[in-house]
Amino acid sequence: EEVLNAAATKWNFLPFKPGLVGGHCIGVDPYY
């Protein structure tokens, strides 16, 4: 988190975070 927060001080760094990816959308749609 500290690394990501530091990198996010640049205006074009995308603020994504690690975690489990489930649900009916993100974990499914790419397979289509």
PDB file of all heavy atoms in Angstrom:
ATOM      1  N   GLU A   1       0.819  -1.207   0.000  1.00  0.00           N
ATOM      2  CA  GLU A   1       0.000   0.000   0.000  1.00  0.00           C
ATOM      3  C   GLU A   1       0.851   1.254   0.000  1.00  0.00           C
ATOM      4  O   GLU A   1       0.543   2.223  -0.699  1.00  0.00           O
ATOM      5  CB  GLU A   1      -0.946   0.015   1.198  1.00  0.00           C
ATOM      6  CG  GLU A   1      -1.922   1.188   1.168  1.00  0.00           C
ATOM      7  CD  GLU A   1      -2.895   1.188   2.319  1.00  0.00           C
ATOM      8  OE1 GLU A   1      -2.492   0.835   3.442  1.00  0.00           O
ATOM      9  OE2 GLU A   1      -4.064   1.541   2.107  1.00  0.00           O
ATOM     10  N   GLU A   2       1.933   1.238   0.751  1.00  0.00           N
ATOM     11  CA  GLU A   2       2.801   2.413   0.800  1.00  0.00           C
ATOM     12  C   GLU A   2       3.455   2.667  -0.548  1.00  0.00           C
ATOM     13  O   GLU A   2       3.612   3.816  -0.985  1.00  0.00           O
ATOM     14  CB  GLU A   2       3.858   2.268   1.895  1.00  0.00           C
ATOM     15  CG  GLU A   2       4.662   3.547   2.121  1.00  0.00           C
ATOM     16  CD  GLU A   2       5.593   3.486   3.314  1.00  0.00           C
ATOM     17  OE1 GLU A   2       5.623   2.445   4.012  1.00  0.00           O
ATOM     18  OE2 GLU A   2       6.311   4.483   3.548  1.00  0.00           O
ATOM     19  N   VAL A   3       3.839   1.577  -1.227  1.00  0.00           N
ATOM     20  CA  VAL A   3       4.421   1.710  -2.562  1.00  0.00           C
ATOM     21  C   VAL A   3       3.403   2.316  -3.525  1.00  0.00           C
ATOM     22  O   VAL A   3       3.711   3.250  -4.277  1.00  0.00           O
ATOM     23  CB  VAL A   3       4.903   0.345  -3.095  1.00  0.00           C
ATOM     24  CG1 VAL A   3       5.394   0.493  -4.549  1.00  0.00           C
ATOM     25  CG2 VAL A   3       6.000  -0.229  -2.233  1.00  0.00           C
ATOM     26  N   LEU A   4       2.158   1.786  -3.510  1.00  0.00           N
ATOM     27  CA  LEU A   4       1.118   2.270  -4.411  1.00  0.00           C
ATOM     28  C   LEU A   4       0.756   3.725  -4.131  1.00  0.00           C
ATOM     29  O   LEU A   4       0.541   4.509  -5.056  1.00  0.00           O
ATOM     30  CB  LEU A   4      -0.123   1.391  -4.308  1.00  0.00           C
ATOM     31  CG  LEU A   4       0.035  -0.068  -4.772  1.00  0.00           C
ATOM     32  CD1 LEU A   4      -1.237  -0.857  -4.499  1.00  0.00           C
ATOM     33  CD2 LEU A   4       0.410  -0.138  -6.246  1.00  0.00           C
ATOM     34  N   ASN A   5       0.707   4.088  -2.850  1.00  0.00           N
ATOM     35  CA  ASN A   5       0.393   5.477  -2.489  1.00  0.00           C
ATOM     36  C   ASN A   5       1.483   6.430  -2.973  1.00  0.00           C
ATOM     37  O   ASN A   5       1.204   7.548  -3.418  1.00  0.00           O
ATOM     38  CB  ASN A   5       0.220   5.612  -0.982  1.00  0.00           C
ATOM     39  CG  ASN A   5      -1.071   5.001  -0.484  1.00  0.00           C
ATOM     40  OD1 ASN A   5      -2.002   4.766  -1.250  1.00  0.00           O
ATOM     41  ND2 ASN A   5      -1.144   4.715   0.809  1.00  0.00           N
ATOM     42  N   ALA A   6       2.723   5.992  -2.875  1.00  0.00           N
ATOM     43  CA  ALA A   6       3.840   6.821  -3.350  1.00  0.00           C
ATOM     44  C   ALA A   6       3.781   6.991  -4.861  1.00  0.00           C
ATOM     45  O   ALA A   6       3.930   8.095  -5.395  1.00  0.00           O
ATOM     46  CB  ALA A   6       5.171   6.204  -2.928  1.00  0.00           C
ATOM     47  N   ALA A   7       3.537   5.887  -5.576  1.00  0.00           N
ATOM     48  CA  ALA A   7       3.452   5.942  -7.030  1.00  0.00           C
ATOM     49  C   ALA A   7       2.273   6.789  -7.491  1.00  0.00           C
ATOM     50  O   ALA A   7       2.324   7.451  -8.532  1.00  0.00           O
ATOM     51  CB  ALA A   7       3.338   4.527  -7.605  1.00  0.00           C
ATOM     52  N   ALA A   8       1.186   6.785  -6.696  1.00  0.00           N
ATOM     53  CA  ALA A   8      -0.031   7.522  -7.057  1.00  0.00           C
ATOM     54  C   ALA A   8       0.121   9.035  -6.972  1.00  0.00           C
ATOM     55  O   ALA A   8      -0.788   9.762  -7.389  1.00  0.00           O
ATOM     56  CB  ALA A   8      -1.189   7.067  -6.172  1.00  0.00           C
ATOM     57  N   THR A   9       1.246   9.508  -6.451  1.00  0.00           N
ATOM     58  CA  THR A   9       1.470  10.952  -6.438  1.00  0.00           C
ATOM     59  C   THR A   9       1.725  11.491  -7.843  1.00  0.00           C
ATOM     60  O   THR A   9       1.660  12.703  -8.048  1.00  0.00           O
ATOM     61  CB  THR A   9       2.655  11.320  -5.524  1.00  0.00           C
ATOM     62  OG1 THR A   9       3.839  10.635  -5.972  1.00  0.00           O
ATOM     63  CG2 THR A   9       2.359  10.931  -4.080  1.00  0.00           C
ATOM     64  N   LYS A  10       2.007  10.586  -8.811  1.00  0.00           N
ATOM     65  CA  LYS A  10       2.087  11.018 -10.204  1.00  0.00           C
ATOM     66  C   LYS A  10       0.681  11.032 -10.789  1.00  0.00           C
ATOM     67  O   LYS A  10      -0.100  10.100 -10.579  1.00  0.00           O
ATOM     68  CB  LYS A  10       2.986  10.082 -11.012  1.00  0.00           C
ATOM     69  CG  LYS A  10       3.266  10.606 -12.415  1.00  0.00           C
ATOM     70  CD  LYS A  10       4.193   9.718 -13.210  1.00  0.00           C
ATOM     71  CE  LYS A  10       4.429  10.318 -14.587  1.00  0.00           C
ATOM     72  NZ  LYS A  10       5.233   9.433 -15.472  1.00  0.00           N
ATOM     73  N   TRP A  11       0.347  12.097 -11.545  1.00  0.00           N
ATOM     74  CA  TRP A  11      -1.025  12.349 -11.963  1.00  0.00           C
ATOM     75  C   TRP A  11      -1.635  11.233 -12.806  1.00  0.00           C
ATOM     76  O   TRP A  11      -2.852  11.022 -12.778  1.00  0.00           O
ATOM     77  CB  TRP A  11      -1.095  13.668 -12.738  1.00  0.00           C
ATOM     78  CG  TRP A  11      -0.591  13.558 -14.167  1.00  0.00           C
ATOM     79  CD1 TRP A  11      -1.331  13.299 -15.276  1.00  0.00           C
ATOM     80  CD2 TRP A  11       0.770  13.672 -14.614  1.00  0.00           C
ATOM     81  NE1 TRP A  11      -0.526  13.254 -16.385  1.00  0.00           N
ATOM     82  CE2 TRP A  11       0.765  13.494 -16.019  1.00  0.00           C
ATOM     83  CE3 TRP A  11       1.981  13.939 -13.980  1.00  0.00           C
ATOM     84  CZ2 TRP A  11       1.933  13.544 -16.787  1.00  0.00           C
ATOM     85  CZ3 TRP A  11       3.134  14.001 -14.738  1.00  0.00           C
ATOM     86  CH2 TRP A  11       3.104  13.795 -16.117  1.00  0.00           C
ATOM     87  N   ASN A  12      -0.832  10.472 -13.548  1.00  0.00           N
ATOM     88  CA  ASN A  12      -1.398   9.479 -14.462  1.00  0.00           C
ATOM     89  C   ASN A  12      -1.235   8.045 -13.974  1.00  0.00           C
ATOM     90  O   ASN A  12      -1.433   7.109 -14.740  1.00  0.00           O
ATOM     91  CB  ASN A  12      -0.784   9.625 -15.859  1.00  0.00           C
ATOM     92  CG  ASN A  12       0.720   9.467 -15.871  1.00  0.00           C
ATOM     93  OD1 ASN A  12       1.362   9.368 -14.822  1.00  0.00           O
ATOM     94  ND2 ASN A  12       1.299   9.445 -17.062  1.00  0.00           N
ATOM     95  N   PHE A  13      -0.884   7.859 -12.710  1.00  0.00           N
ATOM     96  CA  PHE A  13      -0.817   6.520 -12.136  1.00  0.00           C
ATOM     97  C   PHE A  13      -2.224   6.065 -11.750  1.00  0.00           C
ATOM     98  O   PHE A  13      -2.955   6.787 -11.072  1.00  0.00           O
ATOM     99  CB  PHE A  13       0.095   6.494 -10.905  1.00  0.00           C
ATOM    100  CG  PHE A  13       0.318   5.109 -10.349  1.00  0.00           C
ATOM    101  CD1 PHE A  13       1.286   4.282 -10.890  1.00  0.00           C
ATOM    102  CD2 PHE A  13      -0.447   4.633  -9.291  1.00  0.00           C
ATOM    103  CE1 PHE A  13       1.487   3.001 -10.388  1.00  0.00           C
ATOM    104  CE2 PHE A  13      -0.257   3.355  -8.789  1.00  0.00           C
ATOM    105  CZ  PHE A  13       0.720   2.538  -9.338  1.00  0.00           C
ATOM    106  N   LEU A  14      -2.613   4.880 -12.181  1.00  0.00           N
ATOM    107  CA  LEU A  14      -3.968   4.389 -11.954  1.00  0.00           C
ATOM    108  C   LEU A  14      -4.089   3.764 -10.559  1.00  0.00           C
ATOM    109  O   LEU A  14      -3.294   2.903 -10.197  1.00  0.00           O
ATOM    110  CB  LEU A  14      -4.353   3.355 -13.013  1.00  0.00           C
ATOM    111  CG  LEU A  14      -4.324   3.862 -14.461  1.00  0.00           C
ATOM    112  CD1 LEU A  14      -4.656   2.735 -15.430  1.00  0.00           C
ATOM    113  CD2 LEU A  14      -5.290   5.025 -14.640  1.00  0.00           C
ATOM    114  N   PRO A  15      -5.097   4.166  -9.765  1.00  0.00           N
ATOM    115  CA  PRO A  15      -5.174   3.772  -8.349  1.00  0.00           C
ATOM    116  C   PRO A  15      -5.853   2.419  -8.108  1.00  0.00           C
ATOM    117  O   PRO A  15      -6.875   2.331  -7.428  1.00  0.00           O
ATOM    118  CB  PRO A  15      -5.991   4.907  -7.724  1.00  0.00           C
ATOM    119  CG  PRO A  15      -6.909   5.327  -8.834  1.00  0.00           C
ATOM    120  CD  PRO A  15      -6.125   5.169 -10.112  1.00  0.00           C
ATOM    121  N   PHE A  16      -5.299   1.354  -8.663  1.00  0.00           N
ATOM    122  CA  PHE A  16      -5.840   0.025  -8.397  1.00  0.00           C
ATOM    123  C   PHE A  16      -5.161  -0.589  -7.177  1.00  0.00           C
ATOM    124  O   PHE A  16      -4.012  -0.277  -6.872  1.00  0.00           O
ATOM    125  CB  PHE A  16      -5.656  -0.887  -9.615  1.00  0.00           C
ATOM    126  CG  PHE A  16      -6.594  -0.561 -10.738  1.00  0.00           C
ATOM    127  CD1 PHE A  16      -6.229   0.342 -11.726  1.00  0.00           C
ATOM    128  CD2 PHE A  16      -7.849  -1.148 -10.803  1.00  0.00           C
ATOM    129  CE1 PHE A  16      -7.100   0.656 -12.757  1.00  0.00           C
ATOM    130  CE2 PHE A  16      -8.722  -0.839 -11.832  1.00  0.00           C
ATOM    131  CZ  PHE A  16      -8.346   0.056 -12.811  1.00  0.00           C
ATOM    132  N   LYS A  17      -5.900  -1.485  -6.494  1.00  0.00           N
ATOM    133  CA  LYS A  17      -5.387  -2.135  -5.301  1.00  0.00           C
ATOM    134  C   LYS A  17      -5.452  -3.648  -5.448  1.00  0.00           C
ATOM    135  O   LYS A  17      -6.305  -4.161  -6.178  1.00  0.00           O
ATOM    136  CB  LYS A  17      -6.177  -1.699  -4.068  1.00  0.00           C
ATOM    137  CG  LYS A  17      -6.010  -0.214  -3.722  1.00  0.00           C
ATOM    138  CD  LYS A  17      -6.783   0.142  -2.462  1.00  0.00           C
ATOM    139  CE  LYS A  17      -6.571   1.614  -2.111  1.00  0.00           C
ATOM    140  NZ  LYS A  17      -7.308   1.990  -0.873  1.00  0.00           N
ATOM    141  N   PRO A  18      -4.575  -4.384  -4.762  1.00  0.00           N
ATOM    142  CA  PRO A  18      -4.620  -5.844  -4.846  1.00  0.00           C
ATOM    143  C   PRO A  18      -5.833  -6.398  -4.113  1.00  0.00           C
ATOM    144  O   PRO A  18      -6.410  -5.741  -3.253  1.00  0.00           O
ATOM    145  CB  PRO A  18      -3.313  -6.271  -4.153  1.00  0.00           C
ATOM    146  CG  PRO A  18      -3.017  -5.153  -3.196  1.00  0.00           C
ATOM    147  CD  PRO A  18      -3.486  -3.897  -3.874  1.00  0.00           C
ATOM    148  N   GLY A  19      -6.220  -7.621  -4.464  1.00  0.00           N
ATOM    149  CA  GLY A  19      -7.332  -8.253  -3.775  1.00  0.00           C
ATOM    150  C   GLY A  19      -7.895  -9.428  -4.546  1.00  0.00           C
ATOM    151  O   GLY A  19      -7.424  -9.777  -5.635  1.00  0.00           O
ATOM    152  N   LEU A  20      -8.905 -10.038  -3.977  1.00  0.00           N
ATOM    153  CA  LEU A  20      -9.599 -11.143  -4.616  1.00  0.00           C
ATOM    154  C   LEU A  20     -10.525 -10.603  -5.696  1.00  0.00           C
ATOM    155  O   LEU A  20     -11.207  -9.612  -5.489  1.00  0.00           O
ATOM    156  CB  LEU A  20     -10.406 -11.933  -3.579  1.00  0.00           C
ATOM    157  CG  LEU A  20      -9.642 -12.443  -2.355  1.00  0.00           C
ATOM    158  CD1 LEU A  20     -10.602 -13.117  -1.386  1.00  0.00           C
ATOM    159  CD2 LEU A  20      -8.522 -13.392  -2.754  1.00  0.00           C
ATOM    160  N   VAL A  21     -10.560 -11.259  -6.838  1.00  0.00           N
ATOM    161  CA  VAL A  21     -11.396 -10.812  -7.956  1.00  0.00           C
ATOM    162  C   VAL A  21     -12.463 -11.857  -8.225  1.00  0.00           C
ATOM    163  O   VAL A  21     -12.201 -12.932  -8.751  1.00  0.00           O
ATOM    164  CB  VAL A  21     -10.556 -10.583  -9.228  1.00  0.00           C
ATOM    165  CG1 VAL A  21     -11.464 -10.094 -10.365  1.00  0.00           C
ATOM    166  CG2 VAL A  21      -9.447  -9.579  -8.959  1.00  0.00           C
ATOM    167  N   GLY A  22     -13.684 -11.552  -7.842  1.00  0.00           N
ATOM    168  CA  GLY A  22     -14.799 -12.460  -8.060  1.00  0.00           C
ATOM    169  C   GLY A  22     -15.993 -11.727  -8.615  1.00  0.00           C
ATOM    170  O   GLY A  22     -15.866 -10.699  -9.286  1.00  0.00           O
ATOM    171  N   GLY A  23     -17.183 -12.257  -8.325  1.00  0.00           N
ATOM    172  CA  GLY A  23     -18.400 -11.632  -8.795  1.00  0.00           C
ATOM    173  C   GLY A  23     -18.789 -12.104 -10.174  1.00  0.00           C
ATOM    174  O   GLY A  23     -18.097 -12.878 -10.830  1.00  0.00           O
ATOM    175  N   HIS A  24     -19.921 -11.577 -10.635  1.00  0.00           N
ATOM    176  CA  HIS A  24     -20.489 -12.014 -11.898  1.00  0.00           C
ATOM    177  C   HIS A  24     -19.960 -11.210 -13.079  1.00  0.00           C
ATOM    178  O   HIS A  24     -20.333 -11.496 -14.215  1.00  0.00           O
ATOM    179  CB  HIS A  24     -22.021 -11.901 -11.848  1.00  0.00           C
ATOM    180  CG  HIS A  24     -22.700 -12.539 -13.017  1.00  0.00           C
ATOM    181  ND1 HIS A  24     -22.596 -13.876 -13.314  1.00  0.00           N
ATOM    182  CD2 HIS A  24     -23.451 -12.003 -13.995  1.00  0.00           C
ATOM    183  CE1 HIS A  24     -23.275 -14.134 -14.422  1.00  0.00           C
ATOM    184  NE2 HIS A  24     -23.809 -13.026 -14.857  1.00  0.00           N
ATOM    185  N   CYS A  25     -19.087 -10.252 -12.841  1.00  0.00           N
ATOM    186  CA  CYS A  25     -18.648  -9.385 -13.933  1.00  0.00           C
ATOM    187  C   CYS A  25     -17.151  -9.508 -14.216  1.00  0.00           C
ATOM    188  O   CYS A  25     -16.751 -10.104 -15.213  1.00  0.00           O
ATOM    189  CB  CYS A  25     -19.005  -7.933 -13.634  1.00  0.00           C
ATOM    190  SG  CYS A  25     -20.773  -7.631 -13.499  1.00  0.00           S
ATOM    191  N   ILE A  26     -16.339  -8.949 -13.335  1.00  0.00           N
ATOM    192  CA  ILE A  26     -14.904  -8.872 -13.593  1.00  0.00           C
ATOM    193  C   ILE A  26     -14.277 -10.251 -13.737  1.00  0.00           C
ATOM    194  O   ILE A  26     -13.414 -10.472 -14.587  1.00  0.00           O
ATOM    195  CB  ILE A  26     -14.186  -8.074 -12.486  1.00  0.00           C
ATOM    196  CG1 ILE A  26     -14.736  -6.651 -12.423  1.00  0.00           C
ATOM    197  CG2 ILE A  26     -12.675  -8.021 -12.746  1.00  0.00           C
ATOM    198  CD1 ILE A  26     -14.131  -5.803 -11.331  1.00  0.00           C
ATOM    199  N   GLY A  27     -14.713 -11.204 -12.913  1.00  0.00           N
ATOM    200  CA  GLY A  27     -14.150 -12.547 -12.983  1.00  0.00           C
ATOM    201  C   GLY A  27     -14.731 -13.412 -14.077  1.00  0.00           C
ATOM    202  O   GLY A  27     -14.307 -14.559 -14.252  1.00  0.00           O
ATOM    203  N   VAL A  28     -15.696 -12.885 -14.828  1.00  0.00           N
ATOM    204  CA  VAL A  28     -16.406 -13.666 -15.842  1.00  0.00           C
ATOM    205  C   VAL A  28     -16.243 -13.078 -17.244  1.00  0.00           C
ATOM    206  O   VAL A  28     -15.936 -13.793 -18.199  1.00  0.00           O
ATOM    207  CB  VAL A  28     -17.911 -13.768 -15.496  1.00  0.00           C
ATOM    208  CG1 VAL A  28     -18.701 -14.417 -16.642  1.00  0.00           C
ATOM    209  CG2 VAL A  28     -18.098 -14.550 -14.196  1.00  0.00           C
ATOM    210  N   ASP A  29     -16.476 -11.773 -17.368  1.00  0.00           N
ATOM    211  CA  ASP A  29     -16.545 -11.130 -18.680  1.00  0.00           C
ATOM    212  C   ASP A  29     -15.322 -11.368 -19.564  1.00  0.00           C
ATOM    213  O   ASP A  29     -15.476 -11.570 -20.785  1.00  0.00           O
ATOM    214  CB  ASP A  29     -16.782  -9.630 -18.513  1.00  0.00           C
ATOM    215  CG  ASP A  29     -18.158  -9.320 -17.937  1.00  0.00           C
ATOM    216  OD1 ASP A  29     -18.931 -10.266 -17.687  1.00  0.00           O
ATOM    217  OD2 ASP A  29     -18.456  -8.129 -17.708  1.00  0.00           O
ATOM    218  N   PRO A  30     -14.091 -11.327 -19.032  1.00  0.00           N
ATOM    219  CA  PRO A  30     -12.935 -11.562 -19.912  1.00  0.00           C
ATOM    220  C   PRO A  30     -12.984 -12.893 -20.649  1.00  0.00           C
ATOM    221  O   PRO A  30     -12.483 -12.994 -21.782  1.00  0.00           O
ATOM    222  CB  PRO A  30     -11.739 -11.511 -18.940  1.00  0.00           C
ATOM    223  CG  PRO A  30     -12.202 -10.642 -17.823  1.00  0.00           C
ATOM    224  CD  PRO A  30     -13.647 -10.967 -17.658  1.00  0.00           C
ATOM    225  N   TYR A  31     -13.589 -13.912 -20.039  1.00  0.00           N
ATOM    226  CA  TYR A  31     -13.675 -15.216 -20.698  1.00  0.00           C
ATOM    227  C   TYR A  31     -14.575 -15.174 -21.926  1.00  0.00           C
ATOM    228  O   TYR A  31     -14.397 -15.974 -22.857  1.00  0.00           O
ATOM    229  CB  TYR A  31     -14.163 -16.286 -19.723  1.00  0.00           C
ATOM    230  CG  TYR A  31     -13.149 -16.662 -18.671  1.00  0.00           C
ATOM    231  CD1 TYR A  31     -13.436 -16.520 -17.315  1.00  0.00           C
ATOM    232  CD2 TYR A  31     -11.898 -17.165 -19.038  1.00  0.00           C
ATOM    233  CE1 TYR A  31     -12.510 -16.873 -16.354  1.00  0.00           C
ATOM    234  CE2 TYR A  31     -10.968 -17.516 -18.072  1.00  0.00           C
ATOM    235  CZ  TYR A  31     -11.274 -17.365 -16.735  1.00  0.00           C
ATOM    236  OH  TYR A  31     -10.351 -17.701 -15.787  1.00  0.00           O
ATOM    237  N   TYR A  32     -15.557 -14.276 -21.945  1.00  0.00           N
ATOM    238  CA  TYR A  32     -16.385 -14.132 -23.134  1.00  0.00           C
ATOM    239  C   TYR A  32     -15.557 -13.607 -24.296  1.00  0.00           C
ATOM    240  O   TYR A  32     -15.689 -14.069 -25.439  1.00  0.00           O
ATOM    241  CB  TYR A  32     -17.575 -13.210 -22.842  1.00  0.00           C
ATOM    242  CG  TYR A  32     -18.748 -13.945 -22.237  1.00  0.00           C
ATOM    243  CD1 TYR A  32     -18.743 -14.334 -20.910  1.00  0.00           C
ATOM    244  CD2 TYR A  32     -19.854 -14.282 -23.002  1.00  0.00           C
ATOM    245  CE1 TYR A  32     -19.806 -15.024 -20.346  1.00  0.00           C
ATOM    246  CE2 TYR A  32     -20.927 -14.971 -22.454  1.00  0.00           C
ATOM    247  CZ  TYR A  32     -20.892 -15.346 -21.133  1.00  0.00           C
ATOM    248  OH  TYR A  32     -21.948 -16.037 -20.583  1.00  0.00           O
TER     249      TYR A  32
END
